[in-house]
Amino acid sequence: MWITAVTAVTRSMGVVAAVLILLSVGVVCQMVFVRGVLGESSIWQTEFVTFAIIAATFLGAPYILHTRGHVAVDLLPLLLGARARRWLLIVGHLIALTFCGFFLYAALPWWHEAFVTGQTTGSLWAARMWIPFLSVPVGLGMLCLQLAAELWMLYSHRGLPLGWNEEPAQ
């Protein structure tokens, strides 16, 4: 089933995002050592950490959606009946999917241009920009797929967000 495949890729991207964050912490520690103890300048560390954190954000977004790890104010949905709650979620997911689709549509040419023209950073490191830029369309594409999977689960009555049940709150 396609939902199982989307979930598997989403979970693996969550692991990649976590590894990028851990790598960033290690690189920051190395940068502090190089600058503070050895008295040398850092060349690549600041750019690497910036790109890694941005990549972790985009690549980790589908996992956060899947695990309901985002901050949500759900007072109104919890006061509604099951049917109204489900439709509110469907409409919200459709709005999010539309936004992510437009964002993905804009990100693909942006990444492609960096790839084709061979853009690099202005530092001594001269990182090829298409590599960090790639995390934006990949993350957004998976976010769109995860939103579509969540929509299908809601529409087909196969799932509600964690902690919600079919009965309205009393």
C-alpha atoms as a PDB file:
ATOM      1  CA  MET A   1       0.000   0.000   0.000  1.00  0.00           C
ATOM      2  CA  TRP A   2       1.278   3.466  -0.873  1.00  0.00           C
ATOM      3  CA  ILE A   3       0.631   4.796   2.635  1.00  0.00           C
ATOM      4  CA  THR A   4       3.045   2.216   4.060  1.00  0.00           C
ATOM      5  CA  ALA A   5       5.722   3.310   1.576  1.00  0.00           C
ATOM      6  CA  VAL A   6       5.177   7.002   2.348  1.00  0.00           C
ATOM      7  CA  THR A   7       5.359   6.261   6.079  1.00  0.00           C
ATOM      8  CA  ALA A   8       8.600   4.294   5.665  1.00  0.00           C
ATOM      9  CA  VAL A   9      10.258   7.097   3.678  1.00  0.00           C
ATOM     10  CA  THR A  10       8.928   9.679   6.146  1.00  0.00           C
ATOM     11  CA  ARG A  11      10.439   7.779   9.078  1.00  0.00           C
ATOM     12  CA  SER A  12      13.791   7.412   7.322  1.00  0.00           C
ATOM     13  CA  MET A  13      13.809  11.141   6.576  1.00  0.00           C
ATOM     14  CA  GLY A  14      13.155  11.765  10.265  1.00  0.00           C
ATOM     15  CA  VAL A  15      16.294   9.769  11.050  1.00  0.00           C
ATOM     16  CA  VAL A  16      18.272  11.749   8.459  1.00  0.00           C
ATOM     17  CA  ALA A  17      17.036  15.004  10.018  1.00  0.00           C
ATOM     18  CA  ALA A  18      18.088  13.849  13.483  1.00  0.00           C
ATOM     19  CA  VAL A  19      21.533  12.845  12.188  1.00  0.00           C
ATOM     20  CA  LEU A  20      21.927  16.263  10.537  1.00  0.00           C
ATOM     21  CA  ILE A  21      21.146  17.973  13.835  1.00  0.00           C
ATOM     22  CA  LEU A  22      23.642  15.780  15.713  1.00  0.00           C
ATOM     23  CA  LEU A  23      26.255  16.441  13.028  1.00  0.00           C
ATOM     24  CA  SER A  24      25.615  20.172  13.405  1.00  0.00           C
ATOM     25  CA  VAL A  25      26.211  19.983  17.146  1.00  0.00           C
ATOM     26  CA  GLY A  26      29.483  18.139  16.556  1.00  0.00           C
ATOM     27  CA  VAL A  27      30.624  20.641  13.928  1.00  0.00           C
ATOM     28  CA  VAL A  28      29.816  23.580  16.225  1.00  0.00           C
ATOM     29  CA  CYS A  29      31.909  21.963  18.975  1.00  0.00           C
ATOM     30  CA  GLN A  30      34.754  21.426  16.505  1.00  0.00           C
ATOM     31  CA  MET A  31      34.458  25.048  15.340  1.00  0.00           C
ATOM     32  CA  VAL A  32      34.657  26.332  18.926  1.00  0.00           C
ATOM     33  CA  PHE A  33      37.758  24.204  19.507  1.00  0.00           C
ATOM     34  CA  VAL A  34      39.441  25.358  16.286  1.00  0.00           C
ATOM     35  CA  ARG A  35      38.715  29.026  16.915  1.00  0.00           C
ATOM     36  CA  GLY A  36      39.001  29.178  20.713  1.00  0.00           C
ATOM     37  CA  VAL A  37      41.773  26.718  21.490  1.00  0.00           C
ATOM     38  CA  LEU A  38      43.832  26.599  18.306  1.00  0.00           C
ATOM     39  CA  GLY A  39      43.242  30.254  17.405  1.00  0.00           C
ATOM     40  CA  GLU A  40      42.577  29.411  13.759  1.00  0.00           C
ATOM     41  CA  SER A  41      39.740  30.639  11.604  1.00  0.00           C
ATOM     42  CA  SER A  42      36.835  28.481  10.575  1.00  0.00           C
ATOM     43  CA  ILE A  43      36.216  28.079   6.866  1.00  0.00           C
ATOM     44  CA  TRP A  44      33.356  25.694   6.267  1.00  0.00           C
ATOM     45  CA  GLN A  45      31.735  25.132   9.651  1.00  0.00           C
ATOM     46  CA  THR A  46      29.252  28.014   9.783  1.00  0.00           C
ATOM     47  CA  GLU A  47      27.917  27.315   6.301  1.00  0.00           C
ATOM     48  CA  PHE A  48      27.715  23.588   6.951  1.00  0.00           C
ATOM     49  CA  VAL A  49      25.749  24.066  10.168  1.00  0.00           C
ATOM     50  CA  THR A  50      23.398  26.567   8.528  1.00  0.00           C
ATOM     51  CA  PHE A  51      22.709  24.263   5.587  1.00  0.00           C
ATOM     52  CA  ALA A  52      22.385  21.182   7.803  1.00  0.00           C
ATOM     53  CA  ILE A  53      19.842  22.804  10.133  1.00  0.00           C
ATOM     54  CA  ILE A  54      17.778  24.072   7.192  1.00  0.00           C
ATOM     55  CA  ALA A  55      17.933  20.628   5.576  1.00  0.00           C
ATOM     56  CA  ALA A  56      16.911  19.002   8.864  1.00  0.00           C
ATOM     57  CA  THR A  57      13.932  21.346   9.025  1.00  0.00           C
ATOM     58  CA  PHE A  58      12.659  20.520   5.546  1.00  0.00           C
ATOM     59  CA  LEU A  59      13.534  16.818   5.611  1.00  0.00           C
ATOM     60  CA  GLY A  60      12.119  16.386   9.126  1.00  0.00           C
ATOM     61  CA  ALA A  61       8.812  18.168   8.450  1.00  0.00           C
ATOM     62  CA  PRO A  62       7.004  15.071   7.077  1.00  0.00           C
ATOM     63  CA  TYR A  63       8.077  13.064  10.138  1.00  0.00           C
ATOM     64  CA  ILE A  64       6.793  15.780  12.482  1.00  0.00           C
ATOM     65  CA  LEU A  65       3.455  15.738  10.647  1.00  0.00           C
ATOM     66  CA  HIS A  66       3.299  11.936  10.812  1.00  0.00           C
ATOM     67  CA  THR A  67       4.002  11.804  14.558  1.00  0.00           C
ATOM     68  CA  ARG A  68       1.859  14.877  15.343  1.00  0.00           C
ATOM     69  CA  GLY A  69       4.942  16.501  16.848  1.00  0.00           C
ATOM     70  CA  HIS A  70       3.943  20.029  15.863  1.00  0.00           C
ATOM     71  CA  VAL A  71       2.378  22.489  18.271  1.00  0.00           C
ATOM     72  CA  ALA A  72      -1.373  22.635  17.862  1.00  0.00           C
ATOM     73  CA  VAL A  73      -4.192  24.452  19.554  1.00  0.00           C
ATOM     74  CA  ASP A  74      -7.047  21.988  19.325  1.00  0.00           C
ATOM     75  CA  LEU A  75      -9.671  23.569  21.561  1.00  0.00           C
ATOM     76  CA  LEU A  76     -12.229  24.040  18.779  1.00  0.00           C
ATOM     77  CA  PRO A  77     -11.834  20.548  17.269  1.00  0.00           C
ATOM     78  CA  LEU A  78     -12.165  18.926  20.677  1.00  0.00           C
ATOM     79  CA  LEU A  79     -15.473  20.742  21.250  1.00  0.00           C
ATOM     80  CA  LEU A  80     -16.902  19.556  17.926  1.00  0.00           C
ATOM     81  CA  GLY A  81     -18.602  16.299  17.175  1.00  0.00           C
ATOM     82  CA  ALA A  82     -16.727  13.550  15.369  1.00  0.00           C
ATOM     83  CA  ARG A  83     -18.106  14.368  11.909  1.00  0.00           C
ATOM     84  CA  ALA A  84     -17.403  18.129  12.147  1.00  0.00           C
ATOM     85  CA  ARG A  85     -13.961  17.419  13.623  1.00  0.00           C
ATOM     86  CA  ARG A  86     -13.095  15.117  10.738  1.00  0.00           C
ATOM     87  CA  TRP A  87     -14.187  17.681   8.126  1.00  0.00           C
ATOM     88  CA  LEU A  88     -12.289  20.459   9.911  1.00  0.00           C
ATOM     89  CA  LEU A  89      -9.164  18.306   9.735  1.00  0.00           C
ATOM     90  CA  ILE A  90      -9.756  17.495   6.067  1.00  0.00           C
ATOM     91  CA  VAL A  91     -10.152  21.177   5.173  1.00  0.00           C
ATOM     92  CA  GLY A  92      -7.039  22.070   7.187  1.00  0.00           C
ATOM     93  CA  HIS A  93      -5.019  19.359   5.469  1.00  0.00           C
ATOM     94  CA  LEU A  94      -6.252  20.495   2.043  1.00  0.00           C
ATOM     95  CA  ILE A  95      -5.155  24.063   2.791  1.00  0.00           C
ATOM     96  CA  ALA A  96      -1.746  22.816   3.970  1.00  0.00           C
ATOM     97  CA  LEU A  97      -1.378  20.587   0.900  1.00  0.00           C
ATOM     98  CA  THR A  98      -2.217  23.509  -1.399  1.00  0.00           C
ATOM     99  CA  PHE A  99       0.360  25.736   0.304  1.00  0.00           C
ATOM    100  CA  CYS A 100       3.045  23.032   0.198  1.00  0.00           C
ATOM    101  CA  GLY A 101       2.242  22.295  -3.437  1.00  0.00           C
ATOM    102  CA  PHE A 102       2.742  25.942  -4.422  1.00  0.00           C
ATOM    103  CA  PHE A 103       5.937  26.103  -2.361  1.00  0.00           C
ATOM    104  CA  LEU A 104       7.217  22.917  -4.055  1.00  0.00           C
ATOM    105  CA  TYR A 105       6.315  24.338  -7.467  1.00  0.00           C
ATOM    106  CA  ALA A 106       8.458  27.400  -6.701  1.00  0.00           C
ATOM    107  CA  ALA A 107      11.327  25.429  -5.153  1.00  0.00           C
ATOM    108  CA  LEU A 108      11.963  23.061  -8.068  1.00  0.00           C
ATOM    109  CA  PRO A 109      13.111  25.723 -10.579  1.00  0.00           C
ATOM    110  CA  TRP A 110      15.144  27.389  -7.829  1.00  0.00           C
ATOM    111  CA  TRP A 111      17.024  24.148  -7.141  1.00  0.00           C
ATOM    112  CA  HIS A 112      17.344  23.342 -10.860  1.00  0.00           C
ATOM    113  CA  GLU A 113      18.882  26.730 -11.613  1.00  0.00           C
ATOM    114  CA  ALA A 114      21.493  26.247  -8.874  1.00  0.00           C
ATOM    115  CA  PHE A 115      22.259  22.787 -10.266  1.00  0.00           C
ATOM    116  CA  VAL A 116      22.537  23.831 -13.914  1.00  0.00           C
ATOM    117  CA  THR A 117      24.541  27.018 -13.339  1.00  0.00           C
ATOM    118  CA  GLY A 118      26.878  25.448 -10.769  1.00  0.00           C
ATOM    119  CA  GLN A 119      26.262  28.105  -8.117  1.00  0.00           C
ATOM    120  CA  THR A 120      28.589  27.998  -5.117  1.00  0.00           C
ATOM    121  CA  THR A 121      28.827  29.902  -1.863  1.00  0.00           C
ATOM    122  CA  GLY A 122      31.021  32.969  -1.731  1.00  0.00           C
ATOM    123  CA  SER A 123      33.306  31.543   0.941  1.00  0.00           C
ATOM    124  CA  LEU A 124      36.630  29.730   0.604  1.00  0.00           C
ATOM    125  CA  TRP A 125      34.728  26.477   1.001  1.00  0.00           C
ATOM    126  CA  ALA A 126      32.719  27.227  -2.164  1.00  0.00           C
ATOM    127  CA  ALA A 127      30.009  24.686  -1.428  1.00  0.00           C
ATOM    128  CA  ARG A 128      27.877  23.756  -4.429  1.00  0.00           C
ATOM    129  CA  MET A 129      24.489  25.283  -3.654  1.00  0.00           C
ATOM    130  CA  TRP A 130      22.369  22.634  -5.364  1.00  0.00           C
ATOM    131  CA  ILE A 131      23.260  20.162  -2.603  1.00  0.00           C
ATOM    132  CA  PRO A 132      21.719  22.084   0.322  1.00  0.00           C
ATOM    133  CA  PHE A 133      18.976  23.483  -1.932  1.00  0.00           C
ATOM    134  CA  LEU A 134      17.896  19.922  -2.780  1.00  0.00           C
ATOM    135  CA  SER A 135      16.538  19.448   0.734  1.00  0.00           C
ATOM    136  CA  VAL A 136      13.801  21.992   0.054  1.00  0.00           C
ATOM    137  CA  PRO A 137      12.011  20.250  -2.854  1.00  0.00           C
ATOM    138  CA  VAL A 138      12.690  16.775  -1.415  1.00  0.00           C
ATOM    139  CA  GLY A 139      11.300  17.757   1.986  1.00  0.00           C
ATOM    140  CA  LEU A 140       8.329  19.572   0.482  1.00  0.00           C
ATOM    141  CA  GLY A 141       7.604  16.705  -1.901  1.00  0.00           C
ATOM    142  CA  MET A 142       7.541  14.233   0.971  1.00  0.00           C
ATOM    143  CA  LEU A 143       5.486  16.649   3.050  1.00  0.00           C
ATOM    144  CA  CYS A 144       2.923  16.769   0.216  1.00  0.00           C
ATOM    145  CA  LEU A 145       2.880  12.963   0.067  1.00  0.00           C
ATOM    146  CA  GLN A 146       2.525  12.713   3.848  1.00  0.00           C
ATOM    147  CA  LEU A 147      -0.311  15.246   3.802  1.00  0.00           C
ATOM    148  CA  ALA A 148      -2.015  13.238   1.040  1.00  0.00           C
ATOM    149  CA  ALA A 149      -1.613  10.061   3.115  1.00  0.00           C
ATOM    150  CA  GLU A 150      -3.055  11.796   6.181  1.00  0.00           C
ATOM    151  CA  LEU A 151      -5.951  13.095   4.079  1.00  0.00           C
ATOM    152  CA  TRP A 152      -6.684   9.627   2.774  1.00  0.00           C
ATOM    153  CA  MET A 153      -6.598   8.205   6.316  1.00  0.00           C
ATOM    154  CA  LEU A 154      -9.008  10.897   7.509  1.00  0.00           C
ATOM    155  CA  TYR A 155     -11.332  10.610   4.523  1.00  0.00           C
ATOM    156  CA  SER A 156     -11.462   6.817   4.646  1.00  0.00           C
ATOM    157  CA  HIS A 157     -12.091   6.849   8.420  1.00  0.00           C
ATOM    158  CA  ARG A 158      -8.847   5.000   9.123  1.00  0.00           C
ATOM    159  CA  GLY A 159      -7.349   7.511  11.486  1.00  0.00           C
ATOM    160  CA  LEU A 160      -7.627  10.599  13.611  1.00  0.00           C
ATOM    161  CA  PRO A 161      -4.788  12.512  15.250  1.00  0.00           C
ATOM    162  CA  LEU A 162      -3.270  10.921  18.324  1.00  0.00           C
ATOM    163  CA  GLY A 163      -5.352  11.289  21.436  1.00  0.00           C
ATOM    164  CA  TRP A 164      -8.572  11.989  19.538  1.00  0.00           C
ATOM    165  CA  ASN A 165     -11.432   9.574  19.418  1.00  0.00           C
ATOM    166  CA  GLU A 166     -14.699   9.471  17.559  1.00  0.00           C
ATOM    167  CA  GLU A 167     -16.669  10.879  20.483  1.00  0.00           C
ATOM    168  CA  PRO A 168     -16.848  14.621  21.246  1.00  0.00           C
ATOM    169  CA  ALA A 169     -15.405  15.866  24.521  1.00  0.00           C
ATOM    170  CA  GLN A 170     -17.827  16.199  27.401  1.00  0.00           C
END
